[in-house]
Amino acid sequence: MVKNRLDPVLRAQELHQLLNRGGFGQREILVADFSETLQGKDTSRVIDLMSNHDHRFLFRVKFNAKDVDPLAAEEYGKDFVDIRELSDEQIQEHLKRQEFDFALWFKHVPGFSFGRILDYNVPFIVQVAGCNFHDGSPTGGCRFCFVDNESNDGIDGPKKVWLSVNDCLDSFLAAREKVKKHYLDKTGQEVMLRVLRISGGEPTLVIDWIEELWQEIERRGLLCNICGQVDTNLSTGSLLSKKQLARLARYPIKFLAGMKGCDSGNIAGNVQAIQTLTAQMKALRDLVDCGLDVYPQLYSPNPDSLRDLLEMTDAFCVKNFSLRLHIGPLKLYGPNRLRLELEAEEEHWDADTYIEDEISFWEDNYKAAIAVLDDYLSGVYGCRYKDTVRSDVRLVAL
């Protein structure tokens, strides 16, 4: 059951008005309050949700590689890998093969060291409260999205909060001290949060606020110990200023480019909106062309058209794209379970059977796509999937 009539560009223009208020120096954005959300419960098993100065729980952390973190490994039942006993090469070899290799994205940032890799493994996350693939309905947006509907619909209300640049940065610095003390008390190890991640929703809908945030980080002299991550669904490229993107490229920000498929039908079916492959790939190319450090993550691809995408992009769009590409496995969390239950209810289907079939499709599709990518990399580059460290691969806009 797919609704794909939404125009994501028109929806982005609408949400830009709904998610931003105030002018330069006083700009605020609408963000999700994770209190009483399914996502908040999913992501606060190790470290509690964190609040702003008004005691609203607007921030969470994520453990990218769980097995190298002593607290996350215990909570999630992973065999703990103590990086203090590994060489830099061994740490890199281990992390590059993880589902989330994100800590290695910062390998070439000044001040990075493998001995402090845990600092980059636990990002501090704020979530923009609207996505332009989402039409505001209970089953809108990407069908596999792990964000609660009410955190993603762009509608102001009791579960949303207006957040200023200074409130966000002050909250990050306060959380850094709390997390540092928490780890010292629990493990005797020091972990200092370094990555400030703007997620969503669609963060490029608040791009002016993001630029002001990094200007404030620079003004306070904090560029030496704060790095950034910005997520994007690659649907707002026609609305973004390349000059502004180039200004952001001055900062130590990594862009997670969430690709929602590898042909236009595949994309539209996944996001329930009229998004084309051409628009997605132009947005990706423009980010790279502006000098941003981009990490493509592909979700729910069509294995039958994946090789065509790899060949086309490497040859005509972004050089070395396939070497930097990761395919993200889809998993069932509280929010997407609820979304699938509502889909089943609308069609009068048995929810348990419907969800089991969807999970089976996700798993089969992921395995088939990995096989295609692995075969392509072996034939073209002489390496296997995840043999390379993505931050060592240079993307070039063609």
Protein backbone atom coordinates (compact mmCIF):
# COMPACT_ATOMS: atom_id res chain seq x y z
CA MET A 1 0.00 0.00 0.00
CA VAL A 2 1.81 3.12 -1.24
CA LYS A 3 0.73 6.76 -1.50
CA ASN A 4 3.03 8.61 -3.89
CA ARG A 5 1.19 11.78 -4.88
CA LEU A 6 3.14 14.17 -2.63
CA ASP A 7 5.45 16.66 -4.37
CA PRO A 8 8.49 16.85 -2.06
CA VAL A 9 9.64 20.23 -3.41
CA LEU A 10 6.29 21.91 -2.76
CA ARG A 11 6.12 20.20 0.63
CA ALA A 12 9.64 21.45 1.41
CA GLN A 13 8.64 25.02 0.63
CA GLU A 14 5.65 24.66 2.95
CA LEU A 15 7.70 23.12 5.74
CA HIS A 16 10.38 25.79 5.45
CA GLN A 17 7.76 28.26 6.64
CA LEU A 18 6.51 25.95 9.40
CA LEU A 19 9.89 24.89 10.82
CA ASN A 20 11.69 28.25 10.93
CA ARG A 21 10.98 31.50 12.72
CA GLY A 22 12.94 34.65 13.54
CA GLY A 23 15.73 36.36 11.66
CA PHE A 24 19.51 36.36 11.81
CA GLY A 25 20.76 36.05 15.38
CA GLN A 26 17.30 35.16 16.67
CA ARG A 27 16.45 32.24 14.41
CA GLU A 28 14.71 29.23 15.94
CA ILE A 29 13.71 25.88 14.46
CA LEU A 30 10.99 23.43 15.39
CA VAL A 31 12.44 20.20 16.78
CA ALA A 32 11.07 17.00 18.26
CA ASP A 33 10.69 16.43 22.00
CA PHE A 34 11.58 12.75 22.50
CA SER A 35 9.60 12.43 25.74
CA GLU A 36 6.95 9.73 25.51
CA THR A 37 7.92 8.80 21.96
CA LEU A 38 8.62 5.31 20.72
CA GLN A 39 11.92 6.51 19.27
CA GLY A 40 12.88 8.04 22.60
CA LYS A 41 12.29 4.71 24.32
CA ASP A 42 14.24 2.85 21.62
CA THR A 43 17.29 5.11 21.92
CA SER A 44 17.61 5.81 25.66
CA ARG A 45 18.51 2.36 26.91
CA VAL A 46 22.11 3.28 27.78
CA ILE A 47 22.09 7.04 28.26
CA ASP A 48 18.91 8.92 29.16
CA LEU A 49 17.40 11.52 26.90
CA MET A 50 18.96 14.95 27.49
CA SER A 51 17.22 18.26 28.04
CA ASN A 52 17.60 21.89 27.14
CA HIS A 53 17.44 24.80 29.59
CA ASP A 54 13.64 24.48 29.78
CA HIS A 55 13.93 20.81 30.74
CA ARG A 56 12.45 19.59 27.47
CA PHE A 57 14.02 16.37 26.24
CA LEU A 58 15.16 17.42 22.78
CA PHE A 59 18.39 15.46 22.54
CA ARG A 60 19.46 11.86 22.37
CA VAL A 61 22.60 9.93 21.62
CA LYS A 62 23.21 6.99 19.31
CA PHE A 63 25.82 4.26 19.64
CA ASN A 64 27.10 3.70 16.13
CA ALA A 65 29.32 0.70 16.83
CA LYS A 66 27.86 -0.86 19.95
CA ASP A 67 30.46 -3.53 20.59
CA VAL A 68 33.35 -1.07 21.16
CA ASP A 69 31.43 0.87 23.79
CA PRO A 70 31.52 -0.82 27.22
CA LEU A 71 28.06 0.38 28.27
CA ALA A 72 26.31 -0.23 24.94
CA ALA A 73 27.91 -3.65 24.52
CA GLU A 74 26.51 -4.76 27.87
CA GLU A 75 23.03 -3.33 27.28
CA TYR A 76 22.66 -4.76 23.76
CA GLY A 77 24.28 -8.14 24.50
CA LYS A 78 27.34 -7.63 22.28
CA ASP A 79 30.76 -9.19 22.83
CA PHE A 80 32.79 -6.22 24.06
CA VAL A 81 35.78 -5.23 21.93
CA ASP A 82 38.18 -3.22 24.09
CA ILE A 83 39.91 -0.79 21.74
CA ARG A 84 42.54 -0.10 24.41
CA GLU A 85 43.98 -3.51 23.56
CA LEU A 86 44.03 -2.91 19.78
CA SER A 87 46.39 -1.12 17.42
CA ASP A 88 45.15 1.75 15.25
CA GLU A 89 45.08 -0.61 12.26
CA GLN A 90 43.02 -3.18 14.17
CA ILE A 91 40.54 -0.55 15.34
CA GLN A 92 40.12 0.71 11.78
CA GLU A 93 39.72 -2.80 10.37
CA HIS A 94 37.03 -3.56 12.93
CA LEU A 95 35.06 -0.33 12.57
CA LYS A 96 35.05 -0.11 8.78
CA ARG A 97 32.98 -3.31 8.61
CA GLN A 98 30.35 -2.18 11.10
CA GLU A 99 26.79 -1.40 10.14
CA PHE A 100 27.51 2.18 11.24
CA ASP A 101 31.12 3.09 10.48
CA PHE A 102 30.40 6.74 11.20
CA ALA A 103 33.20 7.28 13.74
CA LEU A 104 35.74 6.69 10.96
CA TRP A 105 34.25 9.52 8.92
CA PHE A 106 36.20 11.90 11.15
CA LYS A 107 39.53 10.17 10.63
CA HIS A 108 41.03 13.13 8.76
CA VAL A 109 39.65 15.85 11.05
CA PRO A 110 42.40 17.68 12.98
CA GLY A 111 42.77 16.26 16.48
CA PHE A 112 41.34 12.82 15.64
CA SER A 113 43.06 9.81 17.17
CA PHE A 114 42.09 6.15 17.24
CA GLY A 115 42.69 6.08 20.96
CA ARG A 116 39.80 8.57 21.32
CA ILE A 117 37.52 6.87 18.77
CA LEU A 118 34.71 6.52 21.32
CA ASP A 119 34.39 10.33 21.36
CA TYR A 120 33.23 10.13 17.73
CA ASN A 121 31.11 7.01 18.14
CA VAL A 122 28.36 8.60 20.24
CA PRO A 123 26.81 11.62 18.48
CA PHE A 124 24.60 14.14 20.25
CA ILE A 125 21.45 14.34 18.12
CA VAL A 126 18.77 16.97 17.63
CA GLN A 127 15.90 16.15 15.30
CA VAL A 128 14.18 18.60 12.96
CA ALA A 129 10.44 18.06 13.34
CA GLY A 130 9.38 17.76 9.72
CA CYS A 131 10.17 15.81 6.57
CA ASN A 132 9.11 16.80 3.07
CA PHE A 133 8.38 13.18 2.17
CA HIS A 134 5.78 13.18 4.95
CA ASP A 135 2.26 14.40 4.15
CA GLY A 136 1.21 14.74 7.80
CA SER A 137 -0.89 11.56 7.85
CA PRO A 138 -0.27 8.70 10.33
CA THR A 139 1.24 6.53 7.57
CA GLY A 140 3.00 9.25 5.59
CA GLY A 141 6.66 9.40 4.59
CA CYS A 142 9.20 6.62 4.16
CA ARG A 143 7.49 3.35 4.99
CA PHE A 144 10.51 2.09 6.95
CA CYS A 145 11.18 5.35 8.82
CA PHE A 146 12.16 4.90 12.47
CA VAL A 147 10.87 8.36 13.52
CA ASP A 148 7.53 8.76 15.29
CA ASN A 149 4.84 10.25 13.08
CA GLU A 150 4.27 13.15 15.49
CA SER A 151 7.99 13.98 15.44
CA ASN A 152 8.07 14.14 11.65
CA ASP A 153 4.85 15.76 10.45
CA GLY A 154 5.91 19.43 10.68
CA ILE A 155 2.91 20.37 12.81
CA ASP A 156 3.63 22.56 15.85
CA GLY A 157 2.23 21.15 19.06
CA PRO A 158 2.98 19.92 22.58
CA LYS A 159 5.55 17.37 21.36
CA LYS A 160 7.59 20.00 19.51
CA VAL A 161 9.83 22.80 20.80
CA TRP A 162 11.38 25.90 19.22
CA LEU A 163 15.16 25.70 19.57
CA SER A 164 17.69 28.49 19.21
CA VAL A 165 21.33 28.13 18.17
CA ASN A 166 22.62 29.07 21.62
CA ASP A 167 20.22 26.74 23.42
CA CYS A 168 21.35 23.86 21.21
CA LEU A 169 25.05 24.56 21.67
CA ASP A 170 24.77 25.18 25.42
CA SER A 171 22.81 21.93 25.77
CA PHE A 172 25.50 20.06 23.83
CA LEU A 173 28.24 21.38 26.11
CA ALA A 174 26.24 20.52 29.24
CA ALA A 175 25.53 17.02 27.92
CA ARG A 176 29.22 16.55 27.15
CA GLU A 177 30.08 17.06 30.83
CA LYS A 178 27.28 14.77 32.01
CA VAL A 179 28.28 11.98 29.62
CA LYS A 180 31.94 12.35 30.57
CA LYS A 181 31.09 11.95 34.26
CA HIS A 182 28.72 9.06 33.51
CA TYR A 183 31.44 7.07 31.74
CA LEU A 184 34.06 7.83 34.36
CA ASP A 185 31.71 6.69 37.14
CA LYS A 186 30.54 3.54 35.31
CA THR A 187 33.66 2.41 33.45
CA GLY A 188 36.64 4.48 34.51
CA GLN A 189 37.02 5.57 30.86
CA GLU A 190 36.63 9.11 29.62
CA VAL A 191 34.28 9.70 26.70
CA MET A 192 33.85 13.28 25.48
CA LEU A 193 31.07 13.92 22.97
CA ARG A 194 32.48 15.52 19.84
CA VAL A 195 29.84 15.00 17.16
CA LEU A 196 26.80 17.28 16.98
CA ARG A 197 24.35 15.68 14.57
CA ILE A 198 21.37 17.41 12.99
CA SER A 199 18.91 14.73 11.97
CA GLY A 200 15.25 14.66 11.14
CA GLY A 201 12.96 14.96 9.47
CA GLU A 202 14.90 16.80 6.78
CA PRO A 203 17.66 19.05 8.16
CA THR A 204 18.23 21.00 4.94
CA LEU A 205 14.81 22.58 5.54
CA VAL A 206 16.57 24.57 8.31
CA ILE A 207 19.86 25.15 6.49
CA ASP A 208 20.09 28.83 7.57
CA TRP A 209 19.89 27.79 11.23
CA ILE A 210 22.56 25.13 10.67
CA GLU A 211 24.90 27.72 9.17
CA GLU A 212 24.30 30.06 12.11
CA LEU A 213 24.99 27.20 14.51
CA TRP A 214 28.39 26.60 12.98
CA GLN A 215 29.13 30.30 12.92
CA GLU A 216 28.44 30.34 16.66
CA ILE A 217 30.64 27.29 17.23
CA GLU A 218 33.41 29.13 15.40
CA ARG A 219 32.78 32.39 17.30
CA ARG A 220 33.15 30.55 20.62
CA GLY A 221 36.44 28.97 19.52
CA LEU A 222 35.06 25.43 19.62
CA LEU A 223 35.95 24.23 16.13
CA CYS A 224 38.93 22.37 17.60
CA ASN A 225 36.75 19.89 19.50
CA ILE A 226 33.30 19.80 17.87
CA CYS A 227 32.54 18.01 14.60
CA GLY A 228 29.25 17.88 12.78
CA GLN A 229 26.96 15.51 10.96
CA VAL A 230 24.00 16.63 8.88
CA ASP A 231 21.53 14.14 7.41
CA THR A 232 19.65 14.72 4.17
CA ASN A 233 17.18 12.77 2.05
CA LEU A 234 18.49 14.39 -1.18
CA SER A 235 15.12 15.87 -2.14
CA THR A 236 15.69 19.59 -1.55
CA GLY A 237 18.62 20.17 -3.91
CA SER A 238 16.70 22.53 -6.20
CA LEU A 239 15.97 24.81 -3.23
CA LEU A 240 19.47 25.02 -1.77
CA SER A 241 22.05 27.73 -2.43
CA LYS A 242 25.33 26.30 -3.68
CA LYS A 243 27.10 29.33 -2.22
CA GLN A 244 25.68 28.50 1.20
CA LEU A 245 26.64 24.83 0.87
CA ALA A 246 30.17 25.90 -0.05
CA ARG A 247 30.32 28.05 3.10
CA LEU A 248 29.30 25.04 5.20
CA ALA A 249 32.11 23.04 3.58
CA ARG A 250 34.58 25.17 5.56
CA TYR A 251 33.48 23.38 8.72
CA PRO A 252 34.21 19.80 9.89
CA ILE A 253 30.75 18.56 8.89
CA LYS A 254 29.97 15.19 7.34
CA PHE A 255 26.80 14.85 5.27
CA LEU A 256 24.89 11.58 5.47
CA ALA A 257 23.17 11.40 2.08
CA GLY A 258 20.19 9.10 2.52
CA MET A 259 19.39 7.59 -0.87
CA LYS A 260 15.90 6.08 -0.93
CA GLY A 261 16.28 3.78 -3.91
CA CYS A 262 18.10 3.29 -7.21
CA ASP A 263 15.41 3.97 -9.82
CA SER A 264 12.51 6.41 -9.85
CA GLY A 265 9.84 3.79 -9.20
CA ASN A 266 11.88 2.27 -6.38
CA ILE A 267 12.34 5.68 -4.75
CA ALA A 268 8.72 6.80 -5.09
CA GLY A 269 7.49 3.51 -3.65
CA ASN A 270 9.79 3.80 -0.64
CA VAL A 271 9.11 7.45 0.21
CA GLN A 272 5.48 7.71 -0.91
CA ALA A 273 6.25 10.88 -2.85
CA ILE A 274 7.05 11.94 -6.41
CA GLN A 275 10.83 11.83 -6.08
CA THR A 276 12.88 10.90 -9.14
CA LEU A 277 16.28 9.30 -9.52
CA THR A 278 17.43 12.35 -11.50
CA ALA A 279 16.55 14.74 -8.67
CA GLN A 280 18.18 12.48 -6.06
CA MET A 281 21.45 12.11 -7.95
CA LYS A 282 21.68 15.80 -8.90
CA ALA A 283 21.31 16.70 -5.23
CA LEU A 284 24.08 14.25 -4.34
CA ARG A 285 26.37 15.61 -7.05
CA ASP A 286 25.76 19.22 -5.98
CA LEU A 287 26.74 18.45 -2.39
CA VAL A 288 30.00 16.92 -3.56
CA ASP A 289 30.61 19.73 -6.06
CA CYS A 290 30.29 22.31 -3.27
CA GLY A 291 33.14 20.66 -1.38
CA LEU A 292 31.10 18.91 1.30
CA ASP A 293 32.26 15.57 2.68
CA VAL A 294 29.39 13.27 1.67
CA TYR A 295 28.67 9.69 2.73
CA PRO A 296 25.95 8.00 0.63
CA GLN A 297 23.72 5.51 2.46
CA LEU A 298 21.28 3.57 0.27
CA TYR A 299 18.07 2.16 1.75
CA SER A 300 15.74 -0.45 0.27
CA PRO A 301 17.28 -0.48 -3.23
CA ASN A 302 15.89 -2.46 -6.14
CA PRO A 303 18.60 -5.10 -6.73
CA ASP A 304 17.57 -5.37 -10.39
CA SER A 305 18.49 -1.74 -11.13
CA LEU A 306 21.33 -1.30 -8.64
CA ARG A 307 24.17 -2.16 -10.99
CA ASP A 308 22.91 0.40 -13.52
CA LEU A 309 22.97 3.03 -10.77
CA LEU A 310 26.53 2.13 -9.76
CA GLU A 311 27.82 2.24 -13.34
CA MET A 312 26.01 5.47 -14.21
CA THR A 313 27.03 7.33 -11.06
CA ASP A 314 30.69 6.31 -11.13
CA ALA A 315 31.02 7.23 -14.81
CA PHE A 316 28.88 10.35 -15.18
CA CYS A 317 27.89 11.80 -11.80
CA VAL A 318 30.30 11.25 -8.88
CA LYS A 319 33.64 9.52 -9.30
CA ASN A 320 34.33 6.77 -6.72
CA PHE A 321 30.70 6.83 -5.57
CA SER A 322 30.50 3.04 -5.30
CA LEU A 323 33.56 2.87 -3.04
CA ARG A 324 31.89 5.21 -0.55
CA LEU A 325 28.44 3.69 -0.75
CA HIS A 326 26.97 1.69 2.11
CA ILE A 327 23.63 -0.11 2.01
CA GLY A 328 21.66 0.28 5.20
CA PRO A 329 19.75 -2.72 6.54
CA LEU A 330 16.16 -2.02 7.54
CA LYS A 331 15.06 -3.03 11.01
CA LEU A 332 11.83 -2.98 12.95
CA TYR A 333 11.59 -0.34 15.67
CA GLY A 334 8.63 1.06 17.58
CA PRO A 335 7.71 3.80 15.08
CA ASN A 336 7.87 1.76 11.88
CA ARG A 337 6.09 -1.15 13.54
CA LEU A 338 3.22 1.21 14.36
CA ARG A 339 3.24 2.56 10.80
CA LEU A 340 2.98 -0.94 9.36
CA GLU A 341 0.23 -1.85 11.81
CA LEU A 342 -1.77 1.18 10.65
CA GLU A 343 -1.20 0.25 7.00
CA ALA A 344 -2.51 -3.24 7.69
CA GLU A 345 -5.49 -1.83 9.57
CA GLU A 346 -6.42 0.46 6.65
CA GLU A 347 -6.47 -2.54 4.30
CA HIS A 348 -8.09 -4.92 6.81
CA TRP A 349 -5.08 -7.23 6.75
CA ASP A 350 -3.65 -9.27 9.61
CA ALA A 351 -0.99 -6.99 11.09
CA ASP A 352 1.37 -9.71 12.33
CA THR A 353 1.45 -11.46 8.96
CA TYR A 354 1.83 -8.17 7.11
CA ILE A 355 4.79 -7.13 9.29
CA GLU A 356 6.46 -10.54 9.00
CA ASP A 357 6.18 -10.37 5.21
CA GLU A 358 7.61 -6.85 5.16
CA ILE A 359 10.58 -7.82 7.34
CA SER A 360 11.24 -10.84 5.13
CA PHE A 361 11.20 -8.57 2.06
CA TRP A 362 13.61 -6.12 3.72
CA GLU A 363 16.06 -8.91 4.59
CA ASP A 364 15.95 -10.61 1.18
CA ASN A 365 16.28 -7.29 -0.61
CA TYR A 366 19.27 -6.26 1.53
CA LYS A 367 21.12 -9.53 0.88
CA ALA A 368 20.49 -9.33 -2.86
CA ALA A 369 21.66 -5.70 -3.02
CA ILE A 370 24.85 -6.47 -1.08
CA ALA A 371 25.60 -9.27 -3.54
CA VAL A 372 25.19 -6.88 -6.50
CA LEU A 373 27.41 -4.22 -4.92
CA ASP A 374 30.05 -6.76 -3.90
CA ASP A 375 30.16 -8.22 -7.42
CA TYR A 376 30.44 -4.76 -8.98
CA LEU A 377 33.26 -3.64 -6.67
CA SER A 378 35.16 -6.88 -7.26
CA GLY A 379 34.97 -6.51 -11.02
CA VAL A 380 35.59 -2.77 -11.30
CA TYR A 381 37.83 -1.89 -8.35
CA GLY A 382 39.30 -5.25 -7.35
CA CYS A 383 38.01 -5.03 -3.77
CA ARG A 384 35.05 -6.30 -1.77
CA TYR A 385 32.25 -4.40 -0.04
CA LYS A 386 33.57 -2.65 3.10
CA ASP A 387 37.21 -3.38 2.25
CA THR A 388 37.85 0.36 2.03
CA VAL A 389 37.76 3.03 4.71
CA ARG A 390 35.22 5.43 3.30
CA SER A 391 36.96 8.56 4.58
CA ASP A 392 40.06 7.53 2.58
CA VAL A 393 38.02 7.61 -0.66
CA ARG A 394 37.81 10.97 -2.42
CA LEU A 395 34.57 11.78 -4.22
CA VAL A 396 34.75 13.98 -7.31
CA ALA A 397 31.75 15.61 -9.01
CA LEU A 398 31.78 14.88 -12.74
